[in-house]
Amino acid sequence: MNGNRFGRLFQVTTYGESHGPGMGVTVSGCPAGLELTEEDVQYELDRRKPGQSMITTSRGEPDEVTIQSGIQDGYTTGTPIGMTIENKDARSGKYEPFITAPRPSHGDYTYSAKFGTRNWGGGGRSSARETVNWVAAGAVAKKILRSQDIQVKAHVNQIGDVEAGDVTWEDMLEHAEENDVRCADPDAAAEMQELIEDYQEEGDSIGGSIYFEVRGLPRGLGSPRFDSFEARLGQALMSVPASTAFEFGLGTEAREYTGSERNEDWTFYEGEREEINAEEGDPIPVGNDHGGVQGGITTGQPVFGELTLHAPTSIPKTQTTADWETGEETEEQVIGRHDPVLPPRGVPVVEAMCRLVALDFLLLGGRLNPDRLDGDVGEYDTDYHPSNPRRE
C-alpha cells in the first residue's frame, strides 16, 4: 500500500491504524541544530486530541508523544525523527458487525475491494485517527518555520448554515482558541455550538469549513504547473479526511468577477504593510484576491483559503447496509464514540498540512536560513503578524 508519504525534501512517512497498538511518524529532512522537545509536539497534539469538549468524541486518548530518534541533548541531529503515539482506548469489537457489511459512506467496501482485506477496527488506516501523525510532524515544521518568521493560523468559519463574520488575523489569534468550536467570531461560535448540540441530540452530524492563512512566506516558492504552490497545498488539504472542497484566494467567488475586477494593479512596496514579505521598493500587487499566489508561485503576500469538511459519517442513526457475505441487506447502527462535527478538531490538522507544504517549498527553493534555527522563537501559541490579507 503506497500513499503513506508526503513531501519532497521535508518528508513525512506515517503508519498506524485506528484501533491498533499505536500511531507513528518519521520525519526526514529536518535540519540539524533545531531545539526540539516532546513538549513542542505535545502542545499541538493536545489541540487535536479527542475528549476536549462535549462536541468531540469521548474516546479517551491522551495522545502522548514519544520521540524515538533524531534528537540529541535537546537538538535535532539531521537524522530521521521518529515519533510514536500509543492508542490507549482502542475498542475494535464494536465494529465486528461491519466486517462484511460496509458502513454507509465509509471506506469499508472500497478498501476491501482494492486490497482483498482490511483492518476493520474503526476504519483502520482510513480513520481520521491517522491525522495525529500529521499534527506531530507539523509541530516540527512549525518550530522551523517560526525561526524563519513564517506563521500559520486557522479557525472554523462555518458550521452548517451558520457563518462567521469577517475576522482579522488578530481576531483569529485572540479568539479562535477561546471556544470549543475554534471560531474567531464569538457570537457565531455560540450559534455554531448550539447547532452542533442540536444535531448531536438527534443522533446526527453536520459539516463545516475551516479558513486558514499562511504569513511570512517569501516570494518565489512553487513551480509552474504540477508543482505550483496551490496545487501542492490542495493535495495536502484534500488529503484531510472528510474534505470535499479546497479554495484559495477568492476561491469559487472568482467565477463572479470580471478580469478587470480580479486583476491586481502593481505598486511599489513602501514598508507599511507588515503582513507582506518584501523589501522597500519591491513591486507588489495592490490587493490579494489571488491568495498570495500568482502563476503558481508565492508573491510574498499572505496565502489564504478554506477547506470544507462534510458531516461525520459515523452516526448512531439506523442505516441500511448490504452484507456481501450473506447477500442480504440489513439495518445496522454504528455504535461507538464519534465526533458530531469535524472542523473544531480539524483546525490543528489544517494548520499542520499548511506548515508541511510551506516548509517543503522553503527547502526546495533553498530559502531556509539555517543560522536562525537556534534563535528564540517564543512560546508555542504566540504566532503573530498584524493586518488582514483580504481586500478592504
Protein backbone atom coordinates (compact mmCIF):
# COMPACT_ATOMS: atom_id res chain seq x y z
CA MET A 1 0.00 0.00 0.00
CA ASN A 2 1.51 3.27 -1.13
CA GLY A 3 0.34 6.79 -0.35
CA ASN A 4 1.77 6.98 3.17
CA ARG A 5 4.49 9.54 2.42
CA PHE A 6 4.22 13.27 1.87
CA GLY A 7 6.79 15.88 0.86
CA ARG A 8 9.94 16.07 -1.25
CA LEU A 9 12.77 17.35 0.97
CA PHE A 10 10.85 17.63 4.23
CA GLN A 11 9.40 14.15 4.02
CA VAL A 12 6.79 12.65 6.32
CA THR A 13 6.04 8.91 6.43
CA THR A 14 3.25 7.64 8.68
CA TYR A 15 1.90 4.34 9.96
CA GLY A 16 -0.76 3.08 12.33
CA GLU A 17 -4.44 2.16 12.44
CA SER A 18 -7.38 3.50 14.39
CA HIS A 19 -7.69 0.66 16.91
CA GLY A 20 -4.22 -0.83 16.60
CA PRO A 21 -1.45 -0.60 19.22
CA GLY A 22 -0.39 2.88 18.21
CA MET A 23 0.41 5.51 15.61
CA GLY A 24 3.77 6.65 14.31
CA VAL A 25 5.53 9.09 12.02
CA THR A 26 9.03 9.50 10.67
CA VAL A 27 10.18 12.98 9.63
CA SER A 28 13.14 13.13 7.25
CA GLY A 29 14.85 16.30 6.11
CA CYS A 30 14.73 18.28 9.32
CA PRO A 31 17.91 20.37 9.54
CA ALA A 32 20.33 19.74 12.39
CA GLY A 33 20.59 22.23 15.22
CA LEU A 34 16.89 22.90 15.88
CA GLU A 35 15.95 22.88 19.55
CA LEU A 36 13.06 20.43 19.80
CA THR A 37 11.34 18.74 22.74
CA GLU A 38 8.39 16.43 23.20
CA GLU A 39 6.58 19.41 24.77
CA ASP A 40 6.78 21.26 21.44
CA VAL A 41 4.98 18.40 19.74
CA GLN A 42 2.61 17.68 22.63
CA TYR A 43 1.26 21.23 22.55
CA GLU A 44 -0.14 20.66 19.05
CA LEU A 45 -1.34 17.12 19.77
CA ASP A 46 -3.32 18.37 22.76
CA ARG A 47 -5.21 20.71 20.43
CA ARG A 48 -6.24 17.80 18.20
CA LYS A 49 -6.82 15.04 20.75
CA PRO A 50 -10.30 13.62 21.43
CA GLY A 51 -12.39 14.30 24.51
CA GLN A 52 -11.69 18.04 24.65
CA SER A 53 -15.36 19.03 24.94
CA MET A 54 -18.93 17.77 24.66
CA ILE A 55 -18.85 18.29 20.87
CA THR A 56 -15.97 15.87 20.31
CA THR A 57 -15.68 12.11 20.58
CA SER A 58 -15.43 10.76 24.12
CA ARG A 59 -12.62 8.38 23.17
CA GLY A 60 -10.07 8.72 25.97
CA GLU A 61 -6.77 9.09 24.16
CA PRO A 62 -4.07 11.14 25.91
CA ASP A 63 -2.09 11.22 22.63
CA GLU A 64 1.22 11.35 24.47
CA VAL A 65 4.13 11.52 22.05
CA THR A 66 7.49 9.82 22.46
CA ILE A 67 10.40 10.98 20.29
CA GLN A 68 12.38 7.86 19.49
CA SER A 69 15.19 9.24 17.31
CA GLY A 70 16.71 12.28 15.65
CA ILE A 71 17.31 14.25 18.88
CA GLN A 72 20.48 14.58 20.94
CA ASP A 73 20.74 16.79 24.02
CA GLY A 74 17.53 18.58 23.01
CA TYR A 75 18.58 19.43 19.45
CA THR A 76 17.88 17.77 16.11
CA THR A 77 20.79 15.84 14.61
CA GLY A 78 19.69 15.96 10.97
CA THR A 79 18.78 12.25 11.01
CA PRO A 80 15.17 10.99 10.76
CA ILE A 81 12.94 11.99 13.67
CA GLY A 82 10.81 9.05 14.76
CA MET A 83 7.74 9.69 16.91
CA THR A 84 5.17 7.28 18.35
CA ILE A 85 1.75 7.85 19.94
CA GLU A 86 0.16 4.86 21.66
CA ASN A 87 -3.54 4.04 21.33
CA LYS A 88 -4.76 3.74 24.92
CA ASP A 89 -8.53 3.44 24.42
CA ALA A 90 -9.00 1.22 21.36
CA ARG A 91 -12.20 -0.84 21.18
CA SER A 92 -12.35 -2.61 17.86
CA GLY A 93 -15.02 -5.12 18.93
CA LYS A 94 -17.82 -2.63 18.29
CA TYR A 95 -17.03 -2.82 14.58
CA GLU A 96 -17.46 -6.59 14.14
CA PRO A 97 -20.96 -6.21 12.55
CA PHE A 98 -19.30 -4.33 9.68
CA ILE A 99 -16.61 -6.83 8.70
CA THR A 100 -18.58 -7.79 5.57
CA ALA A 101 -21.32 -5.14 5.76
CA PRO A 102 -19.86 -1.70 4.93
CA ARG A 103 -20.88 1.32 6.94
CA PRO A 104 -22.60 3.94 4.76
CA SER A 105 -20.20 6.46 3.16
CA HIS A 106 -17.07 4.94 4.74
CA GLY A 107 -14.08 3.37 3.05
CA ASP A 108 -15.00 -0.14 4.27
CA TYR A 109 -16.01 -1.63 0.92
CA THR A 110 -13.56 0.30 -1.26
CA TYR A 111 -10.61 -0.81 0.89
CA SER A 112 -11.80 -4.42 0.82
CA ALA A 113 -12.41 -4.28 -2.94
CA LYS A 114 -8.94 -2.88 -3.61
CA PHE A 115 -6.82 -4.96 -1.22
CA GLY A 116 -8.95 -8.04 -0.66
CA THR A 117 -8.68 -7.42 3.07
CA ARG A 118 -8.62 -4.55 5.56
CA ASN A 119 -8.23 -3.71 9.22
CA TRP A 120 -11.93 -3.36 10.06
CA GLY A 121 -11.46 -1.93 13.58
CA GLY A 122 -12.83 1.61 13.40
CA GLY A 123 -11.82 2.08 9.79
CA GLY A 124 -8.21 1.04 10.33
CA ARG A 125 -5.88 3.04 8.13
CA SER A 126 -8.67 5.17 6.64
CA SER A 127 -9.65 6.57 10.03
CA ALA A 128 -9.15 10.25 10.87
CA ARG A 129 -7.20 8.93 13.87
CA GLU A 130 -4.26 8.81 11.47
CA THR A 131 -4.06 12.62 11.41
CA VAL A 132 -2.42 12.53 14.83
CA ASN A 133 0.76 11.71 12.88
CA TRP A 134 0.31 14.72 10.62
CA VAL A 135 -0.06 17.06 13.57
CA ALA A 136 3.09 15.65 15.20
CA ALA A 137 5.08 16.23 12.01
CA GLY A 138 3.50 19.66 11.60
CA ALA A 139 4.71 20.60 15.09
CA VAL A 140 8.30 20.02 13.95
CA ALA A 141 7.67 22.10 10.84
CA LYS A 142 6.12 24.84 12.99
CA LYS A 143 9.27 25.16 15.09
CA ILE A 144 11.40 25.54 11.94
CA LEU A 145 9.03 27.99 10.25
CA ARG A 146 8.80 30.19 13.31
CA SER A 147 12.56 30.58 13.26
CA GLN A 148 12.06 31.98 9.74
CA ASP A 149 9.19 34.31 10.80
CA ILE A 150 6.55 32.25 8.98
CA GLN A 151 3.25 31.70 10.79
CA VAL A 152 0.09 29.70 10.15
CA LYS A 153 -3.32 30.17 11.73
CA ALA A 154 -6.78 28.75 11.03
CA HIS A 155 -10.27 28.91 12.51
CA VAL A 156 -13.72 27.44 11.87
CA ASN A 157 -15.58 29.89 9.64
CA GLN A 158 -18.77 27.90 9.04
CA ILE A 159 -20.82 25.07 10.58
CA GLY A 160 -23.96 24.09 8.71
CA ASP A 161 -25.66 27.33 7.67
CA VAL A 162 -24.02 29.41 10.43
CA GLU A 163 -21.19 31.56 9.06
CA ALA A 164 -18.63 33.61 10.95
CA GLY A 165 -18.44 37.30 10.23
CA ASP A 166 -15.33 38.98 8.86
CA VAL A 167 -12.40 38.34 11.17
CA THR A 168 -8.85 39.65 11.13
CA TRP A 169 -5.61 37.83 11.75
CA GLU A 170 -5.59 39.32 15.24
CA ASP A 171 -9.12 38.04 15.82
CA MET A 172 -8.03 34.51 14.95
CA LEU A 173 -5.06 34.72 17.29
CA GLU A 174 -7.09 36.17 20.13
CA HIS A 175 -10.41 34.31 19.89
CA ALA A 176 -10.06 31.07 17.92
CA GLU A 177 -8.94 29.04 20.93
CA GLU A 178 -11.39 30.64 23.37
CA ASN A 179 -14.35 28.40 22.50
CA ASP A 180 -14.94 24.71 21.78
CA VAL A 181 -15.80 25.37 18.13
CA ARG A 182 -12.49 27.21 17.46
CA CYS A 183 -14.31 30.04 15.70
CA ALA A 184 -12.74 33.51 15.97
CA ASP A 185 -16.17 35.19 15.88
CA PRO A 186 -17.51 34.69 19.44
CA ASP A 187 -21.16 35.37 18.51
CA ALA A 188 -21.08 32.95 15.58
CA ALA A 189 -19.25 30.41 17.76
CA ALA A 190 -22.17 30.38 20.21
CA GLU A 191 -24.64 29.78 17.36
CA MET A 192 -22.43 27.04 15.93
CA GLN A 193 -22.19 25.34 19.31
CA GLU A 194 -25.97 25.32 19.68
CA LEU A 195 -26.43 23.93 16.17
CA ILE A 196 -23.91 21.15 16.76
CA GLU A 197 -25.57 20.17 20.02
CA ASP A 198 -28.97 20.03 18.29
CA TYR A 199 -27.67 17.56 15.70
CA GLN A 200 -25.87 15.62 18.41
CA GLU A 201 -29.11 15.17 20.36
CA GLU A 202 -30.79 13.88 17.19
CA GLY A 203 -28.07 11.29 16.69
CA ASP A 204 -26.87 13.09 13.57
CA SER A 205 -23.86 15.14 12.47
CA ILE A 206 -23.14 18.29 10.50
CA GLY A 207 -20.42 19.63 8.18
CA GLY A 208 -18.49 22.89 8.05
CA SER A 209 -15.36 24.64 6.85
CA ILE A 210 -12.00 25.94 8.08
CA TYR A 211 -10.37 29.21 6.98
CA PHE A 212 -6.55 29.37 7.04
CA GLU A 213 -3.76 31.88 6.50
CA VAL A 214 -0.02 31.45 5.99
CA ARG A 215 2.06 34.58 6.62
CA GLY A 216 5.70 35.48 6.12
CA LEU A 217 6.33 33.29 3.06
CA PRO A 218 8.99 34.73 0.75
CA ARG A 219 8.31 35.38 -2.91
CA GLY A 220 9.28 32.69 -5.38
CA LEU A 221 8.08 29.46 -3.73
CA GLY A 222 6.48 26.99 -6.10
CA SER A 223 7.00 25.94 -9.70
CA PRO A 224 4.78 26.14 -12.77
CA ARG A 225 2.06 23.59 -13.45
CA PHE A 226 2.13 20.39 -11.42
CA ASP A 227 4.36 21.76 -8.66
CA SER A 228 2.57 25.06 -8.22
CA PHE A 229 2.21 26.18 -4.62
CA GLU A 230 -1.58 25.96 -4.66
CA ALA A 231 -1.53 22.53 -6.36
CA ARG A 232 0.63 21.03 -3.63
CA LEU A 233 -1.36 22.83 -0.94
CA GLY A 234 -4.55 21.48 -2.48
CA GLN A 235 -3.14 17.94 -2.44
CA ALA A 236 -2.23 18.30 1.22
CA LEU A 237 -5.57 19.69 2.34
CA MET A 238 -7.71 17.44 0.17
CA SER A 239 -5.96 14.53 1.91
CA VAL A 240 -7.63 15.57 5.17
CA PRO A 241 -10.37 13.03 5.94
CA ALA A 242 -13.89 14.26 5.01
CA SER A 243 -12.58 17.07 2.80
CA THR A 244 -14.85 17.88 -0.15
CA ALA A 245 -13.60 21.27 -1.39
CA PHE A 246 -10.39 23.33 -1.27
CA GLU A 247 -10.29 27.03 -2.11
CA PHE A 248 -7.60 29.69 -2.04
CA GLY A 249 -7.86 33.40 -2.66
CA LEU A 250 -11.30 34.28 -3.98
CA GLY A 251 -11.99 30.58 -4.45
CA THR A 252 -15.38 29.87 -6.02
CA GLU A 253 -16.27 33.57 -5.84
CA ALA A 254 -13.79 34.17 -8.67
CA ARG A 255 -16.40 32.98 -11.19
CA GLU A 256 -18.45 36.10 -10.38
CA TYR A 257 -15.60 38.55 -11.07
CA THR A 258 -14.62 40.15 -14.36
CA GLY A 259 -10.98 40.28 -15.34
CA SER A 260 -10.77 43.97 -14.54
CA GLU A 261 -12.27 43.37 -11.10
CA ARG A 262 -9.99 40.47 -10.18
CA ASN A 263 -6.75 41.76 -11.71
CA GLU A 264 -4.40 43.35 -9.19
CA ASP A 265 -2.63 46.59 -10.11
CA TRP A 266 1.03 46.78 -9.20
CA THR A 267 2.71 49.33 -6.97
CA PHE A 268 5.97 49.71 -5.06
CA TYR A 269 6.26 48.46 -1.50
CA GLU A 270 6.85 51.27 0.97
CA GLY A 271 7.20 49.13 4.07
CA GLU A 272 3.88 49.99 5.68
CA ARG A 273 2.22 46.56 5.38
CA GLU A 274 3.88 44.18 7.80
CA GLU A 275 1.96 41.15 6.52
CA ILE A 276 3.92 41.30 3.24
CA ASN A 277 7.36 39.72 2.91
CA ALA A 278 9.08 42.28 0.67
CA GLU A 279 11.84 44.86 0.69
CA GLU A 280 11.08 48.56 0.36
CA GLY A 281 10.88 49.48 -3.30
CA ASP A 282 9.89 45.98 -4.50
CA PRO A 283 6.91 45.71 -6.89
CA ILE A 284 3.88 44.22 -5.12
CA PRO A 285 0.23 43.69 -6.07
CA VAL A 286 -2.13 46.29 -4.60
CA GLY A 287 -4.60 43.69 -3.32
CA ASN A 288 -4.54 39.97 -2.64
CA ASP A 289 -7.54 38.35 -4.27
CA HIS A 290 -5.05 35.84 -5.71
CA GLY A 291 -4.48 34.44 -2.22
CA GLY A 292 -0.74 35.08 -2.19
CA VAL A 293 -0.02 33.07 -5.35
CA GLN A 294 0.34 34.17 -8.99
CA GLY A 295 1.39 31.80 -11.75
CA GLY A 296 1.71 29.03 -9.16
CA ILE A 297 4.43 30.97 -7.28
CA THR A 298 4.13 32.87 -4.00
CA THR A 299 4.06 36.68 -4.12
CA GLY A 300 5.24 37.34 -0.56
CA GLN A 301 1.69 38.17 0.48
CA PRO A 302 -0.37 36.01 2.86
CA VAL A 303 -1.64 32.75 1.39
CA PHE A 304 -5.22 32.19 2.48
CA GLY A 305 -8.20 29.99 1.69
CA GLU A 306 -10.56 27.44 3.18
CA LEU A 307 -11.26 23.74 3.36
CA THR A 308 -14.76 22.24 3.51
CA LEU A 309 -15.38 19.06 5.52
CA HIS A 310 -18.53 17.01 5.19
CA ALA A 311 -20.53 15.78 8.19
CA PRO A 312 -19.00 12.82 10.07
CA THR A 313 -20.25 9.58 8.53
CA SER A 314 -20.29 7.58 11.78
CA ILE A 315 -23.67 8.42 13.31
CA PRO A 316 -25.91 6.41 15.67
CA LYS A 317 -28.97 6.63 13.41
CA THR A 318 -30.09 3.28 11.96
CA GLN A 319 -28.96 2.91 8.33
CA THR A 320 -29.12 0.25 5.63
CA THR A 321 -26.10 -1.76 4.51
CA ALA A 322 -25.52 -4.70 2.18
CA ASP A 323 -23.66 -7.72 3.59
CA TRP A 324 -21.58 -9.14 0.73
CA GLU A 325 -21.10 -12.43 2.56
CA THR A 326 -24.80 -13.21 3.19
CA GLY A 327 -26.11 -11.37 0.15
CA GLU A 328 -28.72 -9.60 2.28
CA GLU A 329 -29.50 -6.02 3.17
CA THR A 330 -29.53 -5.33 6.90
CA GLU A 331 -30.32 -2.47 9.26
CA GLU A 332 -27.35 -1.50 11.43
CA GLN A 333 -26.33 1.16 13.92
CA VAL A 334 -22.76 2.45 14.16
CA ILE A 335 -22.13 2.11 17.88
CA GLY A 336 -19.03 3.93 19.05
CA ARG A 337 -17.54 7.25 20.11
CA HIS A 338 -17.57 9.71 17.25
CA ASP A 339 -17.41 13.45 16.65
CA PRO A 340 -20.71 15.14 15.67
CA VAL A 341 -18.70 17.70 13.69
CA LEU A 342 -15.13 17.73 12.35
CA PRO A 343 -13.82 21.30 11.81
CA PRO A 344 -13.13 22.12 15.50
CA ARG A 345 -10.59 19.30 15.80
CA GLY A 346 -9.64 19.77 12.16
CA VAL A 347 -8.11 23.21 12.75
CA PRO A 348 -4.72 21.91 14.01
CA VAL A 349 -4.74 19.32 11.19
CA VAL A 350 -5.20 22.01 8.54
CA GLU A 351 -2.50 24.14 10.16
CA ALA A 352 -0.12 21.17 10.20
CA MET A 353 -0.60 20.41 6.50
CA CYS A 354 -0.11 24.08 5.58
CA ARG A 355 3.16 24.03 7.54
CA LEU A 356 4.39 20.86 5.86
CA VAL A 357 3.79 22.34 2.41
CA ALA A 358 5.34 25.69 3.29
CA LEU A 359 8.49 24.16 4.77
CA ASP A 360 8.95 21.69 1.92
CA PHE A 361 8.82 24.53 -0.62
CA LEU A 362 11.16 26.61 1.52
CA LEU A 363 13.73 23.82 1.44
CA LEU A 364 13.17 23.10 -2.27
CA GLY A 365 13.79 26.77 -3.05
CA GLY A 366 16.92 26.92 -0.90
CA ARG A 367 15.29 29.69 1.14
CA LEU A 368 15.79 28.32 4.65
CA ASN A 369 18.26 30.29 6.77
CA PRO A 370 19.99 27.68 8.98
CA ASP A 371 21.66 30.38 11.07
CA ARG A 372 18.29 31.28 12.54
CA LEU A 373 17.36 27.78 13.71
CA ASP A 374 18.85 28.22 17.16
CA GLY A 375 17.18 31.58 17.77
CA ASP A 376 14.43 32.20 20.34
CA VAL A 377 11.06 31.53 18.66
CA GLY A 378 9.00 32.34 21.74
CA GLU A 379 6.08 30.48 23.29
CA TYR A 380 4.09 27.87 21.42
CA ASP A 381 0.89 29.84 20.85
CA THR A 382 2.09 33.35 20.03
CA ASP A 383 2.14 33.20 16.22
CA TYR A 384 1.55 36.81 15.29
CA HIS A 385 1.55 39.19 12.37
CA PRO A 386 -0.83 42.17 12.09
CA SER A 387 -3.45 43.07 9.48
CA ASN A 388 -5.75 41.06 7.27
CA PRO A 389 -4.86 39.99 3.70
CA ARG A 390 -8.33 40.39 2.28
CA ARG A 391 -9.02 43.47 0.18
CA GLU A 392 -10.80 46.23 2.11
